[in-house]
C-alpha atoms as a PDB file:
ATOM      1  CA  UNK A   1      72.323 -68.512 -39.623  1.00  0.00           C
ATOM      2  CA  UNK A   2      73.824 -66.320 -41.893  1.00  0.00           C
ATOM      3  CA  UNK A   3      77.702 -66.437 -43.178  1.00  0.00           C
ATOM      4  CA  UNK A   4      78.396 -63.852 -45.544  1.00  0.00           C
ATOM      5  CA  UNK A   5      77.416 -60.342 -44.671  1.00  0.00           C
ATOM      6  CA  UNK A   6      78.035 -56.870 -46.677  1.00  0.00           C
ATOM      7  CA  UNK A   7      79.879 -53.901 -44.164  1.00  0.00           C
ATOM      8  CA  UNK A   8      78.510 -50.352 -46.289  1.00  0.00           C
ATOM      9  CA  UNK A   9      80.172 -47.396 -44.612  1.00  0.00           C
ATOM     10  CA  UNK A  10      80.158 -44.102 -45.009  1.00  0.00           C
ATOM     11  CA  UNK A  11      81.298 -41.173 -43.543  1.00  0.00           C
ATOM     12  CA  UNK A  12      80.267 -37.297 -43.881  1.00  0.00           C
ATOM     13  CA  UNK A  13      77.951 -35.739 -45.997  1.00  0.00           C
ATOM     14  CA  UNK A  14      79.399 -33.493 -48.979  1.00  0.00           C
ATOM     15  CA  UNK A  15      78.971 -29.878 -48.926  1.00  0.00           C
ATOM     16  CA  UNK A  16      75.870 -28.664 -50.078  1.00  0.00           C
ATOM     17  CA  UNK A  17      74.126 -32.358 -50.209  1.00  0.00           C
ATOM     18  CA  UNK A  18      73.191 -33.292 -47.663  1.00  0.00           C
ATOM     19  CA  UNK A  19      69.030 -32.534 -48.092  1.00  0.00           C
ATOM     20  CA  UNK A  20      69.942 -35.290 -51.036  1.00  0.00           C
ATOM     21  CA  UNK A  21      71.672 -37.390 -49.015  1.00  0.00           C
ATOM     22  CA  UNK A  22      68.629 -37.744 -46.445  1.00  0.00           C
ATOM     23  CA  UNK A  23      67.094 -38.555 -49.771  1.00  0.00           C
ATOM     24  CA  UNK A  24      69.515 -41.497 -50.958  1.00  0.00           C
ATOM     25  CA  UNK A  25      69.434 -42.532 -46.976  1.00  0.00           C
ATOM     26  CA  UNK A  26      65.963 -43.653 -47.046  1.00  0.00           C
ATOM     27  CA  UNK A  27      66.296 -44.918 -50.887  1.00  0.00           C
ATOM     28  CA  UNK A  28      68.845 -47.201 -48.646  1.00  0.00           C
ATOM     29  CA  UNK A  29      67.314 -48.206 -45.864  1.00  0.00           C
ATOM     30  CA  UNK A  30      63.841 -49.179 -48.136  1.00  0.00           C
ATOM     31  CA  UNK A  31      65.971 -51.056 -50.738  1.00  0.00           C
ATOM     32  CA  UNK A  32      67.691 -53.296 -48.055  1.00  0.00           C
ATOM     33  CA  UNK A  33      64.024 -54.017 -46.059  1.00  0.00           C
ATOM     34  CA  UNK A  34      62.612 -54.865 -49.204  1.00  0.00           C
ATOM     35  CA  UNK A  35      65.067 -57.144 -49.562  1.00  0.00           C
ATOM     36  CA  UNK A  36      65.044 -58.653 -45.586  1.00  0.00           C
ATOM     37  CA  UNK A  37      61.267 -58.499 -46.390  1.00  0.00           C
ATOM     38  CA  UNK A  38      61.544 -60.696 -50.365  1.00  0.00           C
ATOM     39  CA  UNK A  39      63.850 -63.422 -47.998  1.00  0.00           C
ATOM     40  CA  UNK A  40      66.990 -61.943 -50.619  1.00  0.00           C
ATOM     41  CA  UNK A  41      69.156 -62.016 -47.432  1.00  0.00           C
ATOM     42  CA  UNK A  42      68.623 -62.717 -43.785  1.00  0.00           C
ATOM     43  CA  UNK A  43      68.792 -59.405 -42.455  1.00  0.00           C
ATOM     44  CA  UNK A  44      70.331 -56.120 -42.376  1.00  0.00           C
ATOM     45  CA  UNK A  45      71.573 -53.232 -39.198  1.00  0.00           C
ATOM     46  CA  UNK A  46      71.943 -49.650 -39.428  1.00  0.00           C
ATOM     47  CA  UNK A  47      74.729 -48.211 -37.324  1.00  0.00           C
ATOM     48  CA  UNK A  48      75.392 -43.717 -36.787  1.00  0.00           C
ATOM     49  CA  UNK A  49      78.159 -43.799 -34.817  1.00  0.00           C
ATOM     50  CA  UNK A  50      79.372 -40.167 -32.802  1.00  0.00           C
ATOM     51  CA  UNK A  51      81.453 -37.985 -32.957  1.00  0.00           C
ATOM     52  CA  UNK A  52      84.987 -39.933 -32.974  1.00  0.00           C
ATOM     53  CA  UNK A  53      88.015 -37.879 -34.851  1.00  0.00           C
ATOM     54  CA  UNK A  54      87.390 -40.180 -37.584  1.00  0.00           C
ATOM     55  CA  UNK A  55      86.012 -40.484 -41.437  1.00  0.00           C
ATOM     56  CA  UNK A  56      83.460 -43.412 -40.233  1.00  0.00           C
ATOM     57  CA  UNK A  57      79.824 -41.502 -39.566  1.00  0.00           C
ATOM     58  CA  UNK A  58      77.909 -44.646 -40.252  1.00  0.00           C
ATOM     59  CA  UNK A  59      77.088 -48.504 -41.367  1.00  0.00           C
ATOM     60  CA  UNK A  60      74.837 -50.650 -42.623  1.00  0.00           C
ATOM     61  CA  UNK A  61      75.911 -54.552 -41.928  1.00  0.00           C
ATOM     62  CA  UNK A  62      73.871 -56.792 -44.230  1.00  0.00           C
ATOM     63  CA  UNK A  63      73.820 -60.133 -43.135  1.00  0.00           C
ATOM     64  CA  UNK A  64      72.590 -63.801 -45.184  1.00  0.00           C
ATOM     65  CA  UNK A  65      74.063 -66.336 -47.118  1.00  0.00           C
ATOM     66  CA  UNK A  66      77.350 -66.587 -49.502  1.00  0.00           C
ATOM     67  CA  UNK A  67      74.392 -67.124 -52.168  1.00  0.00           C
ATOM     68  CA  UNK A  68      72.509 -64.306 -50.393  1.00  0.00           C
ATOM     69  CA  UNK A  69      74.900 -61.886 -50.161  1.00  0.00           C
ATOM     70  CA  UNK A  70      76.469 -62.660 -54.263  1.00  0.00           C
ATOM     71  CA  UNK A  71      72.814 -61.981 -56.087  1.00  0.00           C
ATOM     72  CA  UNK A  72      72.458 -58.562 -54.020  1.00  0.00           C
ATOM     73  CA  UNK A  73      76.110 -57.852 -54.928  1.00  0.00           C
ATOM     74  CA  UNK A  74      74.739 -58.488 -58.432  1.00  0.00           C
ATOM     75  CA  UNK A  75      71.576 -57.029 -58.256  1.00  0.00           C
ATOM     76  CA  UNK A  76      71.176 -53.848 -60.746  1.00  0.00           C
ATOM     77  CA  UNK A  77      69.469 -52.027 -57.590  1.00  0.00           C
ATOM     78  CA  UNK A  78      72.943 -52.391 -55.077  1.00  0.00           C
ATOM     79  CA  UNK A  79      75.331 -50.758 -57.821  1.00  0.00           C
ATOM     80  CA  UNK A  80      72.588 -47.494 -57.781  1.00  0.00           C
ATOM     81  CA  UNK A  81      71.642 -46.604 -54.271  1.00  0.00           C
ATOM     82  CA  UNK A  82      75.627 -48.066 -53.354  1.00  0.00           C
ATOM     83  CA  UNK A  83      76.251 -45.561 -56.460  1.00  0.00           C
ATOM     84  CA  UNK A  84      74.134 -42.329 -55.400  1.00  0.00           C
ATOM     85  CA  UNK A  85      74.914 -42.485 -52.127  1.00  0.00           C
ATOM     86  CA  UNK A  86      79.018 -42.258 -53.512  1.00  0.00           C
ATOM     87  CA  UNK A  87      77.936 -38.951 -54.929  1.00  0.00           C
ATOM     88  CA  UNK A  88      76.421 -37.385 -52.124  1.00  0.00           C
ATOM     89  CA  UNK A  89      78.271 -38.792 -48.995  1.00  0.00           C
ATOM     90  CA  UNK A  90      82.189 -39.275 -48.733  1.00  0.00           C
ATOM     91  CA  UNK A  91      84.382 -42.259 -47.645  1.00  0.00           C
ATOM     92  CA  UNK A  92      81.809 -44.991 -48.855  1.00  0.00           C
ATOM     93  CA  UNK A  93      83.213 -48.221 -48.757  1.00  0.00           C
ATOM     94  CA  UNK A  94      81.417 -51.878 -49.321  1.00  0.00           C
ATOM     95  CA  UNK A  95      83.508 -54.981 -47.884  1.00  0.00           C
ATOM     96  CA  UNK A  96      83.126 -58.555 -48.706  1.00  0.00           C
ATOM     97  CA  UNK A  97      82.616 -59.541 -44.141  1.00  0.00           C
ATOM     98  CA  UNK A  98      81.446 -62.607 -42.288  1.00  0.00           C
ATOM     99  CA  UNK A  99      79.220 -62.960 -40.026  1.00  0.00           C
ATOM    100  CA  UNK A 100      77.969 -65.741 -37.302  1.00  0.00           C
ATOM    101  CA  UNK A 101      79.335 -69.475 -38.730  1.00  0.00           C
ATOM    102  CA  UNK A 102      81.481 -67.442 -41.557  1.00  0.00           C
ATOM    103  CA  UNK A 103      83.994 -65.846 -38.723  1.00  0.00           C
ATOM    104  CA  UNK A 104      84.976 -70.409 -37.731  1.00  0.00           C
ATOM    105  CA  UNK A 105      85.425 -70.705 -41.436  1.00  0.00           C
ATOM    106  CA  UNK A 106      87.394 -67.277 -41.522  1.00  0.00           C
ATOM    107  CA  UNK A 107      89.376 -68.179 -38.670  1.00  0.00           C
ATOM    108  CA  UNK A 108      90.322 -71.950 -40.581  1.00  0.00           C
ATOM    109  CA  UNK A 109      91.765 -69.438 -43.538  1.00  0.00           C
ATOM    110  CA  UNK A 110      93.558 -67.670 -41.385  1.00  0.00           C
ATOM    111  CA  UNK A 111      95.281 -71.185 -39.743  1.00  0.00           C
ATOM    112  CA  UNK A 112      95.880 -72.398 -42.948  1.00  0.00           C
ATOM    113  CA  UNK A 113      97.962 -69.823 -43.733  1.00  0.00           C
ATOM    114  CA  UNK A 114      99.906 -69.728 -40.542  1.00  0.00           C
ATOM    115  CA  UNK A 115     100.748 -73.096 -40.472  1.00  0.00           C
ATOM    116  CA  UNK A 116     102.117 -72.710 -44.278  1.00  0.00           C
ATOM    117  CA  UNK A 117     104.038 -69.705 -43.834  1.00  0.00           C
ATOM    118  CA  UNK A 118     105.861 -71.018 -40.183  1.00  0.00           C
END
């Protein structure tokens, strides 16, 4: 079961780059799909959000082991896809995530820190 993940979020397209945005989105989906198919990650999920007054338009949640996530982040293609996305949509963000069994580990770290400070 996956313990680690990457949350890749984005906002609205940059005006005039909407068509390129769709092209880069397709590239990203193909990249994460191939990574899953090749076993380099456990899974990925794409989420498109409806209008809500915020600046997050959608995200991809990639799941895997700590080693899989670290290896993916080190890939040149990961950097290329992320950089291309940042050139066509606003507010691209890549955030490490705890998922599955990793959530309990993250809570344990938090609990230990709270205990140290109280």
